[in-house]
Amino acid sequence: MQSTNQKIKNASLNSFLDKNTFEQNDEYAAKLIANTKDETMYNRILDEVQHCKSFTFAVAFIESGILNSLKTVLKDLNVQGRILTSTYLYFNKPQMFRELLSYQMLK
C-alpha cells in the first residue's frame, strides 16, 4: 500500500508529466477550478478545509470578504494553516497583513 506522500507524488507526476507512467489518483490529482455558476473557487476552498487537518494557501492577494468568511469556518472547525502571500505589486494592503497576523489559527 502506498503512503500518502507517494500517492501525492504519483498524482502530481501523472497530472503534469506522464499519464502513462505514473498512477492516477483522483483524490490528489491537479484540477482546474474556474468560477462558474455550479462551481466557485470559494466553494472548493470551503469543501477542502472541511476535510483537512491543516492547510497551506499560496496566493497573490487576499480579499477581506473571503478572509472574514473563511475565518469563521476555520475557527469553527479548529483547523490550523498557513497563508503565503506577499507585497508584490502592492495587491495586498498593509491592513490585510495586520489582520492576518491577528488570526490565531494562521501561522
C-alpha atoms as a PDB file:
ATOM      1  CA  MET A   1       0.000   0.000   0.000  1.00  0.00           C
ATOM      2  CA  GLN A   2       1.313   3.444  -0.951  1.00  0.00           C
ATOM      3  CA  SER A   3       1.924   6.140   1.640  1.00  0.00           C
ATOM      4  CA  THR A   4       0.080   9.437   1.336  1.00  0.00           C
ATOM      5  CA  ASN A   5       3.304  11.128   0.230  1.00  0.00           C
ATOM      6  CA  GLN A   6       3.762   8.563  -2.533  1.00  0.00           C
ATOM      7  CA  LYS A   7       0.141   8.996  -3.657  1.00  0.00           C
ATOM      8  CA  ILE A   8       0.594  12.774  -3.852  1.00  0.00           C
ATOM      9  CA  LYS A   9       3.880  12.384  -5.724  1.00  0.00           C
ATOM     10  CA  ASN A  10       2.400   9.957  -8.265  1.00  0.00           C
ATOM     11  CA  ALA A  11      -0.726  12.072  -8.732  1.00  0.00           C
ATOM     12  CA  SER A  12       1.410  15.171  -9.362  1.00  0.00           C
ATOM     13  CA  LEU A  13       3.640  13.357 -11.828  1.00  0.00           C
ATOM     14  CA  ASN A  14       0.569  11.868 -13.524  1.00  0.00           C
ATOM     15  CA  SER A  15      -1.113  15.283 -13.738  1.00  0.00           C
ATOM     16  CA  PHE A  16       1.862  17.245 -15.023  1.00  0.00           C
ATOM     17  CA  LEU A  17       4.360  14.877 -16.648  1.00  0.00           C
ATOM     18  CA  ASP A  18       3.212  11.498 -17.877  1.00  0.00           C
ATOM     19  CA  LYS A  19      -0.248   9.947 -17.571  1.00  0.00           C
ATOM     20  CA  ASN A  20       1.007   6.616 -18.902  1.00  0.00           C
ATOM     21  CA  THR A  21       3.850   6.094 -16.442  1.00  0.00           C
ATOM     22  CA  PHE A  22       2.518   7.349 -13.118  1.00  0.00           C
ATOM     23  CA  GLU A  23      -0.533   6.078 -11.282  1.00  0.00           C
ATOM     24  CA  GLN A  24      -3.653   8.243 -11.398  1.00  0.00           C
ATOM     25  CA  ASN A  25      -5.267   9.237  -8.113  1.00  0.00           C
ATOM     26  CA  ASP A  26      -8.341  11.454  -8.387  1.00  0.00           C
ATOM     27  CA  GLU A  27      -8.138  12.488  -4.743  1.00  0.00           C
ATOM     28  CA  TYR A  28      -4.727  14.126  -5.230  1.00  0.00           C
ATOM     29  CA  ALA A  29      -4.779  14.950  -8.951  1.00  0.00           C
ATOM     30  CA  ALA A  30      -4.366  18.520 -10.153  1.00  0.00           C
ATOM     31  CA  LYS A  31      -7.650  20.117 -11.179  1.00  0.00           C
ATOM     32  CA  LEU A  32      -8.585  23.314 -12.952  1.00  0.00           C
ATOM     33  CA  ILE A  33     -11.153  25.285 -10.991  1.00  0.00           C
ATOM     34  CA  ALA A  34     -12.927  28.042 -12.890  1.00  0.00           C
ATOM     35  CA  ASN A  35     -15.551  30.232 -11.284  1.00  0.00           C
ATOM     36  CA  THR A  36     -18.804  29.069 -12.817  1.00  0.00           C
ATOM     37  CA  LYS A  37     -22.407  29.050 -11.690  1.00  0.00           C
ATOM     38  CA  ASP A  38     -22.050  25.485 -10.427  1.00  0.00           C
ATOM     39  CA  GLU A  39     -18.512  25.570  -9.032  1.00  0.00           C
ATOM     40  CA  THR A  40     -16.699  28.520  -7.480  1.00  0.00           C
ATOM     41  CA  MET A  41     -13.231  28.781  -6.028  1.00  0.00           C
ATOM     42  CA  TYR A  42     -14.722  29.802  -2.696  1.00  0.00           C
ATOM     43  CA  ASN A  43     -16.944  26.698  -2.539  1.00  0.00           C
ATOM     44  CA  ARG A  44     -13.999  24.434  -3.404  1.00  0.00           C
ATOM     45  CA  ILE A  45     -11.875  26.036  -0.690  1.00  0.00           C
ATOM     46  CA  LEU A  46     -14.678  25.569   1.847  1.00  0.00           C
ATOM     47  CA  ASP A  47     -15.081  21.941   0.844  1.00  0.00           C
ATOM     48  CA  GLU A  48     -11.364  21.263   1.154  1.00  0.00           C
ATOM     49  CA  VAL A  49     -10.871  22.943   4.555  1.00  0.00           C
ATOM     50  CA  GLN A  50     -13.800  20.970   5.956  1.00  0.00           C
ATOM     51  CA  HIS A  51     -11.884  17.765   5.201  1.00  0.00           C
ATOM     52  CA  CYS A  52      -8.335  18.720   6.171  1.00  0.00           C
ATOM     53  CA  LYS A  53      -6.168  18.633   9.272  1.00  0.00           C
ATOM     54  CA  SER A  54      -4.152  21.667   8.166  1.00  0.00           C
ATOM     55  CA  PHE A  55      -3.676  23.736   5.022  1.00  0.00           C
ATOM     56  CA  THR A  56      -1.306  25.996   3.127  1.00  0.00           C
ATOM     57  CA  PHE A  57      -2.591  28.576   0.656  1.00  0.00           C
ATOM     58  CA  ALA A  58      -0.148  30.356  -1.653  1.00  0.00           C
ATOM     59  CA  VAL A  59      -1.945  33.353  -3.124  1.00  0.00           C
ATOM     60  CA  ALA A  60      -1.086  36.582  -4.928  1.00  0.00           C
ATOM     61  CA  PHE A  61      -3.618  38.609  -2.960  1.00  0.00           C
ATOM     62  CA  ILE A  62      -6.289  38.231  -0.298  1.00  0.00           C
ATOM     63  CA  GLU A  63      -9.705  39.883  -0.250  1.00  0.00           C
ATOM     64  CA  SER A  64     -11.034  40.838   3.177  1.00  0.00           C
ATOM     65  CA  GLY A  65     -14.525  39.469   2.429  1.00  0.00           C
ATOM     66  CA  ILE A  66     -13.199  35.994   1.690  1.00  0.00           C
ATOM     67  CA  LEU A  67     -10.855  36.141   4.659  1.00  0.00           C
ATOM     68  CA  ASN A  68     -13.668  37.092   7.049  1.00  0.00           C
ATOM     69  CA  SER A  69     -15.912  34.243   5.959  1.00  0.00           C
ATOM     70  CA  LEU A  70     -13.032  31.744   5.997  1.00  0.00           C
ATOM     71  CA  LYS A  71     -12.014  32.917   9.465  1.00  0.00           C
ATOM     72  CA  THR A  72     -15.372  31.828  10.877  1.00  0.00           C
ATOM     73  CA  VAL A  73     -15.236  28.418   9.187  1.00  0.00           C
ATOM     74  CA  LEU A  74     -11.627  27.774  10.232  1.00  0.00           C
ATOM     75  CA  LYS A  75     -12.342  28.777  13.820  1.00  0.00           C
ATOM     76  CA  ASP A  76     -15.440  26.544  13.993  1.00  0.00           C
ATOM     77  CA  LEU A  77     -13.522  23.583  12.549  1.00  0.00           C
ATOM     78  CA  ASN A  78     -10.412  24.295  14.631  1.00  0.00           C
ATOM     79  CA  VAL A  79      -8.225  23.978  11.508  1.00  0.00           C
ATOM     80  CA  GLN A  80      -4.704  25.421  11.616  1.00  0.00           C
ATOM     81  CA  GLY A  81      -2.952  26.635   8.499  1.00  0.00           C
ATOM     82  CA  ARG A  82      -0.683  28.996   6.636  1.00  0.00           C
ATOM     83  CA  ILE A  83      -1.410  31.659   4.059  1.00  0.00           C
ATOM     84  CA  LEU A  84       1.597  32.621   1.962  1.00  0.00           C
ATOM     85  CA  THR A  85       1.321  35.961   0.205  1.00  0.00           C
ATOM     86  CA  SER A  86       3.490  38.987  -0.488  1.00  0.00           C
ATOM     87  CA  THR A  87       3.650  42.687  -1.185  1.00  0.00           C
ATOM     88  CA  TYR A  88       4.284  42.052  -4.894  1.00  0.00           C
ATOM     89  CA  LEU A  89       2.680  44.837  -6.972  1.00  0.00           C
ATOM     90  CA  TYR A  90       1.025  46.013  -3.735  1.00  0.00           C
ATOM     91  CA  PHE A  91      -2.120  43.922  -4.300  1.00  0.00           C
ATOM     92  CA  ASN A  92      -2.450  43.469  -0.523  1.00  0.00           C
ATOM     93  CA  LYS A  93      -2.992  46.498   1.654  1.00  0.00           C
ATOM     94  CA  PRO A  94      -0.970  46.829   4.901  1.00  0.00           C
ATOM     95  CA  GLN A  95      -4.204  46.389   6.871  1.00  0.00           C
ATOM     96  CA  MET A  96      -4.597  42.911   5.361  1.00  0.00           C
ATOM     97  CA  PHE A  97      -1.213  41.816   6.747  1.00  0.00           C
ATOM     98  CA  ARG A  98      -2.123  43.192  10.189  1.00  0.00           C
ATOM     99  CA  GLU A  99      -5.394  41.298  10.043  1.00  0.00           C
ATOM    100  CA  LEU A 100      -3.662  38.048   9.032  1.00  0.00           C
ATOM    101  CA  LEU A 101      -1.267  38.372  11.969  1.00  0.00           C
ATOM    102  CA  SER A 102      -4.209  38.624  14.383  1.00  0.00           C
ATOM    103  CA  TYR A 103      -5.707  35.239  13.421  1.00  0.00           C
ATOM    104  CA  GLN A 104      -4.568  32.612  15.903  1.00  0.00           C
ATOM    105  CA  MET A 105      -5.399  29.724  13.543  1.00  0.00           C
ATOM    106  CA  LEU A 106      -2.882  31.048  10.981  1.00  0.00           C
ATOM    107  CA  LYS A 107       0.899  30.884  11.020  1.00  0.00           C
END
